[in-house]
Every structure is written in structure tokens, then in C-alpha cells.
Amino acid sequence: MKIINNFPAFTKFNIEEVISRSLKVIPDEHFKDIESITLINRFSGELHKNSNGRYSKKKKLNPAKIEIAVGEVLNYEDNWLFEFIFSWNKLLLSQELFFQLGHHYAYLINVSSKKETKEIASQYRGAMSGKASPFIAKIARSPLTRWYLKATEG
């Protein structure tokens, strides 16, 4: 999977490495038609202004793409308390990746309802988190993490 790092800021950990490690638990067939995962700072424009990520499904000759707004996920202005906790930031980044891949998975299995797609994406995030690390899965199921992810879901 091609990872394009356009995130302009310094992080205390290698964001590409976090994405690469997270991708190892994803079954190969779930990558069908995805061209790349692009890491950016934030989305411009009103439509996705405060979104953490965006999945663009395959359209005719254009392959599917995932964009993750790392600046929004890590949200350094609002997340100062957790900035020093590397594991928390890695968790948030991998959770957003799994959520966007869940949108792609919903597309692959022909789900058309937006509400059902979000539900599948949330379930996919949980399932892949459990595969990535049982410890992280426990953190991901904690009330604090569930509240935070629900509050920041795009």
C-alpha cells in the first residue's frame, strides 16, 4: 500500500511507521481498488473542515483513496494533555485509519446506507484494533476512548 506523507509538522513518533504497522493486520483483499493513503495536516473547505479522515470510493477509472488529517487527529491545540503520551496518539491515528478502511470495506460488500456504512466502519475499527493489539483493543474499548472517538468521528 502506498503511503504518501504530506503532513508538514514534526511528531515525536514516525507516523508512517504507525500506519504501516497498522496495515499489517488488514487482509489483502480489503485493499482492493485502494491506490493510496495520504497523510495531510487538515482538510480545506467547509465540507470536511473538522474531519479526521476521508474515504473516496472508486469511481470509473479513479481508484479509491484514503486521506487522514493527522493534524486534526492529533489535534495538538486541544489535545495538549495527551500530546506527551505517544501510545495515545498512535492509538488515535490507527483508529482513524481502521475507521476509513471500514468505509472501504462497507463499499466492497455493497452497503449503500450512510448510517449502516458508519456502523460497519465503527465495527471494523474495533475488529482490526483487536487484531493489531489486544492491549490496544482494551484501551480502544475504554469509556474514555469510546467517548473521544465518538465525539471526533467525521
C-alpha atoms as a PDB file:
ATOM      1  CA  MET A   1       0.000   0.000   0.000  1.00  0.00           C
ATOM      2  CA  LYS A   2       1.373   3.371  -0.988  1.00  0.00           C
ATOM      3  CA  ILE A   3       1.579   5.839   1.894  1.00  0.00           C
ATOM      4  CA  ILE A   4       2.012   9.480   0.908  1.00  0.00           C
ATOM      5  CA  ASN A   5       3.202  11.662   3.773  1.00  0.00           C
ATOM      6  CA  ASN A   6       2.221  15.290   3.208  1.00  0.00           C
ATOM      7  CA  PHE A   7       1.978  16.061   6.926  1.00  0.00           C
ATOM      8  CA  PRO A   8       4.153  19.157   7.382  1.00  0.00           C
ATOM      9  CA  ALA A   9       4.666  19.144  11.149  1.00  0.00           C
ATOM     10  CA  PHE A  10       7.091  17.361  13.430  1.00  0.00           C
ATOM     11  CA  THR A  11       5.756  14.492  15.519  1.00  0.00           C
ATOM     12  CA  LYS A  12       7.507  12.694  18.325  1.00  0.00           C
ATOM     13  CA  PHE A  13       6.958   9.373  16.548  1.00  0.00           C
ATOM     14  CA  ASN A  14       7.098   8.157  12.960  1.00  0.00           C
ATOM     15  CA  ILE A  15       3.540   8.449  11.647  1.00  0.00           C
ATOM     16  CA  GLU A  16       4.299   6.418   8.517  1.00  0.00           C
ATOM     17  CA  GLU A  17       5.575   3.574  10.694  1.00  0.00           C
ATOM     18  CA  VAL A  18       2.365   3.626  12.749  1.00  0.00           C
ATOM     19  CA  ILE A  19       0.290   3.428   9.558  1.00  0.00           C
ATOM     20  CA  SER A  20       2.489   0.645   8.090  1.00  0.00           C
ATOM     21  CA  ARG A  21       2.285  -1.422  11.276  1.00  0.00           C
ATOM     22  CA  SER A  22      -1.458  -0.950  11.462  1.00  0.00           C
ATOM     23  CA  LEU A  23      -1.894  -2.075   7.857  1.00  0.00           C
ATOM     24  CA  LYS A  24      -0.244  -5.440   8.591  1.00  0.00           C
ATOM     25  CA  VAL A  25      -3.411  -6.760  10.259  1.00  0.00           C
ATOM     26  CA  ILE A  26      -5.661  -5.893   7.313  1.00  0.00           C
ATOM     27  CA  PRO A  27      -6.497  -8.809   4.974  1.00  0.00           C
ATOM     28  CA  ASP A  28      -5.071  -8.240   1.480  1.00  0.00           C
ATOM     29  CA  GLU A  29      -8.494  -8.448  -0.172  1.00  0.00           C
ATOM     30  CA  HIS A  30      -9.625  -5.404   1.834  1.00  0.00           C
ATOM     31  CA  PHE A  31      -7.110  -3.261  -0.081  1.00  0.00           C
ATOM     32  CA  LYS A  32      -8.819  -3.977  -3.402  1.00  0.00           C
ATOM     33  CA  ASP A  33      -9.009  -0.816  -5.529  1.00  0.00           C
ATOM     34  CA  ILE A  34      -7.286   1.463  -2.948  1.00  0.00           C
ATOM     35  CA  GLU A  35      -4.470   3.407  -4.570  1.00  0.00           C
ATOM     36  CA  SER A  36      -3.017   5.202  -1.555  1.00  0.00           C
ATOM     37  CA  ILE A  37      -3.289   6.515   1.950  1.00  0.00           C
ATOM     38  CA  THR A  38      -2.348  10.177   2.134  1.00  0.00           C
ATOM     39  CA  LEU A  39      -1.371  11.855   5.397  1.00  0.00           C
ATOM     40  CA  ILE A  40      -2.142  15.572   5.469  1.00  0.00           C
ATOM     41  CA  ASN A  41      -2.380  18.276   8.121  1.00  0.00           C
ATOM     42  CA  ARG A  42      -6.038  19.321   7.798  1.00  0.00           C
ATOM     43  CA  PHE A  43      -8.730  19.439   5.139  1.00  0.00           C
ATOM     44  CA  SER A  44      -9.525  22.739   3.494  1.00  0.00           C
ATOM     45  CA  GLY A  45     -13.030  23.839   2.602  1.00  0.00           C
ATOM     46  CA  GLU A  46     -16.214  23.670   4.633  1.00  0.00           C
ATOM     47  CA  LEU A  47     -17.335  20.140   3.710  1.00  0.00           C
ATOM     48  CA  HIS A  48     -14.534  18.294   5.526  1.00  0.00           C
ATOM     49  CA  LYS A  49     -13.201  21.176   7.636  1.00  0.00           C
ATOM     50  CA  ASN A  50     -13.043  19.377  11.010  1.00  0.00           C
ATOM     51  CA  SER A  51     -12.912  15.819   9.708  1.00  0.00           C
ATOM     52  CA  ASN A  52     -10.222  13.396  10.840  1.00  0.00           C
ATOM     53  CA  GLY A  53     -10.275  11.417   7.635  1.00  0.00           C
ATOM     54  CA  ARG A  54     -11.904  10.925   4.281  1.00  0.00           C
ATOM     55  CA  TYR A  55     -12.567   7.898   2.147  1.00  0.00           C
ATOM     56  CA  SER A  56     -13.105   8.440  -1.570  1.00  0.00           C
ATOM     57  CA  LYS A  57     -14.543   5.356  -3.221  1.00  0.00           C
ATOM     58  CA  LYS A  58     -13.524   4.123  -6.653  1.00  0.00           C
ATOM     59  CA  LYS A  59     -15.254   5.977  -9.479  1.00  0.00           C
ATOM     60  CA  LYS A  60     -14.807   4.678 -13.015  1.00  0.00           C
ATOM     61  CA  LEU A  61     -11.057   4.888 -13.669  1.00  0.00           C
ATOM     62  CA  ASN A  62     -10.217   6.718 -10.426  1.00  0.00           C
ATOM     63  CA  PRO A  63      -9.085   4.316  -7.690  1.00  0.00           C
ATOM     64  CA  ALA A  64     -10.266   4.550  -4.083  1.00  0.00           C
ATOM     65  CA  LYS A  65      -8.207   6.746  -1.756  1.00  0.00           C
ATOM     66  CA  ILE A  66      -7.966   7.404   1.941  1.00  0.00           C
ATOM     67  CA  GLU A  67      -6.823  10.697   3.419  1.00  0.00           C
ATOM     68  CA  ILE A  68      -6.045  11.141   7.093  1.00  0.00           C
ATOM     69  CA  ALA A  69      -5.846  14.633   8.542  1.00  0.00           C
ATOM     70  CA  VAL A  70      -3.079  13.928  11.060  1.00  0.00           C
ATOM     71  CA  GLY A  71      -3.214  17.481  12.416  1.00  0.00           C
ATOM     72  CA  GLU A  72      -6.902  17.016  13.160  1.00  0.00           C
ATOM     73  CA  VAL A  73      -6.468  13.500  14.630  1.00  0.00           C
ATOM     74  CA  LEU A  74      -3.634  14.532  16.922  1.00  0.00           C
ATOM     75  CA  ASN A  75      -5.204  17.978  17.404  1.00  0.00           C
ATOM     76  CA  TYR A  76      -2.243  19.463  19.211  1.00  0.00           C
ATOM     77  CA  GLU A  77      -4.045  22.653  20.151  1.00  0.00           C
ATOM     78  CA  ASP A  78      -6.844  20.843  22.015  1.00  0.00           C
ATOM     79  CA  ASN A  79      -5.009  17.660  22.922  1.00  0.00           C
ATOM     80  CA  TRP A  80      -2.100  19.135  24.880  1.00  0.00           C
ATOM     81  CA  LEU A  81      -2.768  16.840  27.829  1.00  0.00           C
ATOM     82  CA  PHE A  82      -2.239  13.719  25.714  1.00  0.00           C
ATOM     83  CA  GLU A  83       0.496  15.081  23.444  1.00  0.00           C
ATOM     84  CA  PHE A  84       3.230  13.572  25.581  1.00  0.00           C
ATOM     85  CA  ILE A  85       1.580  10.137  25.629  1.00  0.00           C
ATOM     86  CA  PHE A  86       2.909   8.550  22.437  1.00  0.00           C
ATOM     87  CA  SER A  87       0.702   5.468  22.753  1.00  0.00           C
ATOM     88  CA  TRP A  88      -2.436   7.605  22.890  1.00  0.00           C
ATOM     89  CA  ASN A  89      -1.523   9.461  19.698  1.00  0.00           C
ATOM     90  CA  LYS A  90      -0.594   6.213  17.924  1.00  0.00           C
ATOM     91  CA  LEU A  91      -3.898   4.723  19.026  1.00  0.00           C
ATOM     92  CA  LEU A  92      -5.854   7.695  17.664  1.00  0.00           C
ATOM     93  CA  LEU A  93      -4.009   7.527  14.353  1.00  0.00           C
ATOM     94  CA  SER A  94      -4.528   3.786  13.891  1.00  0.00           C
ATOM     95  CA  GLN A  95      -8.176   4.102  14.960  1.00  0.00           C
ATOM     96  CA  GLU A  96      -8.799   6.699  12.244  1.00  0.00           C
ATOM     97  CA  LEU A  97      -7.053   4.516   9.657  1.00  0.00           C
ATOM     98  CA  PHE A  98      -9.191   1.498  10.618  1.00  0.00           C
ATOM     99  CA  PHE A  99     -12.356   3.628  10.523  1.00  0.00           C
ATOM    100  CA  GLN A 100     -11.603   4.841   6.977  1.00  0.00           C
ATOM    101  CA  LEU A 101     -10.696   1.314   5.875  1.00  0.00           C
ATOM    102  CA  GLY A 102     -14.044   0.277   7.349  1.00  0.00           C
ATOM    103  CA  HIS A 103     -15.752   2.682   4.943  1.00  0.00           C
ATOM    104  CA  HIS A 104     -13.905   0.977   2.101  1.00  0.00           C
ATOM    105  CA  TYR A 105     -14.882  -2.453   3.419  1.00  0.00           C
ATOM    106  CA  ALA A 106     -18.542  -1.353   3.516  1.00  0.00           C
ATOM    107  CA  TYR A 107     -18.175  -0.252  -0.113  1.00  0.00           C
ATOM    108  CA  LEU A 108     -16.644  -3.641  -1.037  1.00  0.00           C
ATOM    109  CA  ILE A 109     -19.599  -5.513   0.448  1.00  0.00           C
ATOM    110  CA  ASN A 110     -22.069  -3.159  -1.303  1.00  0.00           C
ATOM    111  CA  VAL A 111     -23.558  -1.317   1.665  1.00  0.00           C
ATOM    112  CA  SER A 112     -25.462   1.706   0.393  1.00  0.00           C
ATOM    113  CA  SER A 113     -26.925   3.330   3.508  1.00  0.00           C
ATOM    114  CA  LYS A 114     -24.751   6.075   5.019  1.00  0.00           C
ATOM    115  CA  LYS A 115     -25.842   5.136   8.542  1.00  0.00           C
ATOM    116  CA  GLU A 116     -25.073   1.445   8.009  1.00  0.00           C
ATOM    117  CA  THR A 117     -21.717   2.342   6.429  1.00  0.00           C
ATOM    118  CA  LYS A 118     -20.737   4.292   9.575  1.00  0.00           C
ATOM    119  CA  GLU A 119     -21.823   1.389  11.783  1.00  0.00           C
ATOM    120  CA  ILE A 120     -19.769  -1.071   9.734  1.00  0.00           C
ATOM    121  CA  ALA A 121     -16.790   1.309   9.786  1.00  0.00           C
ATOM    122  CA  SER A 122     -17.014   1.522  13.603  1.00  0.00           C
ATOM    123  CA  GLN A 123     -17.264  -2.273  13.917  1.00  0.00           C
ATOM    124  CA  TYR A 124     -14.362  -2.707  11.510  1.00  0.00           C
ATOM    125  CA  ARG A 125     -12.279  -0.297  13.565  1.00  0.00           C
ATOM    126  CA  GLY A 126     -12.941  -2.374  16.678  1.00  0.00           C
ATOM    127  CA  ALA A 127     -12.196  -5.685  14.966  1.00  0.00           C
ATOM    128  CA  MET A 128      -8.926  -4.504  13.422  1.00  0.00           C
ATOM    129  CA  SER A 129      -7.838  -2.876  16.687  1.00  0.00           C
ATOM    130  CA  GLY A 130      -8.278  -6.221  18.393  1.00  0.00           C
ATOM    131  CA  LYS A 131      -6.136  -7.895  15.735  1.00  0.00           C
ATOM    132  CA  ALA A 132      -3.471  -5.182  15.901  1.00  0.00           C
ATOM    133  CA  SER A 133      -3.023  -5.453  19.631  1.00  0.00           C
ATOM    134  CA  PRO A 134      -5.184  -6.993  22.327  1.00  0.00           C
ATOM    135  CA  PHE A 135      -3.841  -4.362  24.748  1.00  0.00           C
ATOM    136  CA  ILE A 136      -4.761  -1.518  22.387  1.00  0.00           C
ATOM    137  CA  ALA A 137      -8.153  -3.127  21.873  1.00  0.00           C
ATOM    138  CA  LYS A 138      -8.751  -2.892  25.619  1.00  0.00           C
ATOM    139  CA  ILE A 139      -7.760   0.769  25.556  1.00  0.00           C
ATOM    140  CA  ALA A 140      -9.964   1.321  22.493  1.00  0.00           C
ATOM    141  CA  ARG A 141     -12.942  -0.191  24.331  1.00  0.00           C
ATOM    142  CA  SER A 142     -12.414   2.000  27.379  1.00  0.00           C
ATOM    143  CA  PRO A 143     -15.205   4.510  28.052  1.00  0.00           C
ATOM    144  CA  LEU A 144     -12.806   7.465  27.662  1.00  0.00           C
ATOM    145  CA  THR A 145     -11.580   6.314  24.238  1.00  0.00           C
ATOM    146  CA  ARG A 146     -15.082   5.442  23.004  1.00  0.00           C
ATOM    147  CA  TRP A 147     -16.323   8.873  24.089  1.00  0.00           C
ATOM    148  CA  TYR A 148     -13.369  10.632  22.418  1.00  0.00           C
ATOM    149  CA  LEU A 149     -13.715   8.691  19.149  1.00  0.00           C
ATOM    150  CA  LYS A 150     -17.475   9.243  19.033  1.00  0.00           C
ATOM    151  CA  ALA A 151     -17.003  12.962  19.678  1.00  0.00           C
ATOM    152  CA  THR A 152     -14.430  13.309  16.889  1.00  0.00           C
ATOM    153  CA  GLU A 153     -15.926  10.963  14.270  1.00  0.00           C
ATOM    154  CA  GLY A 154     -16.293  12.616  10.890  1.00  0.00           C
END
